[in-house]
Amino acid sequence: MSTAALPLNDDERAERSARIRADLTRQRLALLDRLVAEGAGDLAAQLETCGQATSLTCTSCGDRHPIETRCKRRWCPTCSRKISFDRVVKYSRRLQGLKWPLWVTLTIRNSDDEKIVEQLKSGWQKFKRKKIMTAHCQGGLWALEVTERGNGWHPHIHAMLDCKWLAHNTPPPHHLDPPDVVSEKLEYAKGELSQEWGACVDQDWAIALAVRKRGDHAVRELLKYAVKGSDLLDSLLPIAPLIRQIDSGRTISTFGSLRNGKLPPEADDDKPKLACTQCGAEGAWLPSEIGDRMFGPPVARMVTYRNAAQ
């Protein structure tokens, strides 16, 4: 008989987090070496600024908080994890507020040419203007993901749509329809979706999937990395051209009801602010280098006074 996994204690969570950070740092350094080897010094230079030890100074009490610098590149193994977390915080409650959440995945044939990413994104813009979308979808959020498993770049779009039925020529199932009729309508709708999407990416037919999904897991899956560091490192293809394609435009965006503010204001989440562990002040931070230059003696006196009082 299987037993449910026990929750991790604080020490186990800290150990797991340390292992993950160490692995992502290893990937970042290996990626830097790979970019140097490909002659992409400008991209490598961006990674060199990542992971440097520095600190922030609390302007309320003078306490220093150690941090690491971030390059904030969407393809950086260490930064992409933080970017994904920030996205979840920003969009989670908006997506949970969708009336008819429909998870859609749109694909295109694999290719060794990194320009396939631009073709996919161009197809997505065409698809949003088609009647199948304009007549049935209220809005949503889309995100780009690129994978590579040894058979070329595989870019695809994940989208969470506010859509009750994503088909134009196929009528939606009726509650009185027998199961075989419902299955037939779903199959026809699937084929219609694949044909409509395929025409947008210059293919007779392309894989397009639509399923009902909601909850935190669906949101995290939608808002994860644009490309995994491990996929970049394992790829036998040149990775610098693909990275430039990812950097050249959006990899995530809202549209329709999620962009036009039709959802209630409380659907907006604020990014959590870093709180000082000494005085509890939130968001009262300056880079220590700037703080030392601007408030060097006062900050030093605050720290001395606080230590003396303890």
Foldseek 3Di string as FASTA:
>chain_A
DDDDDDDDDPVVVVVVVVVLLVVLVVLLVLVLVLCVVVVNPVVSVLSVQWFQWFWKAFPVQGDIDIDTDHSCALARSVNLQVQLVQQCLFQVLVLQPQPFWKKKKFWDDFDQDLCVQVLQVQLVVVLCPDCLNVVFWQKWKKFWAWFPDPRHIIIMIIIITSGDARADPQDADDPPDDPVVNVVSVVVRQQRVQCSSCVSSVHNGTHMDMDGDGDPVVSSVRRGGNYHSVRCSPDPRRCVVNSVVPVPDDRMDIDGCVVVVVDDPVSGGDDFFDADPPPRDTPRIDGVVVCCVPPVVVSVVSVVVVVVVD
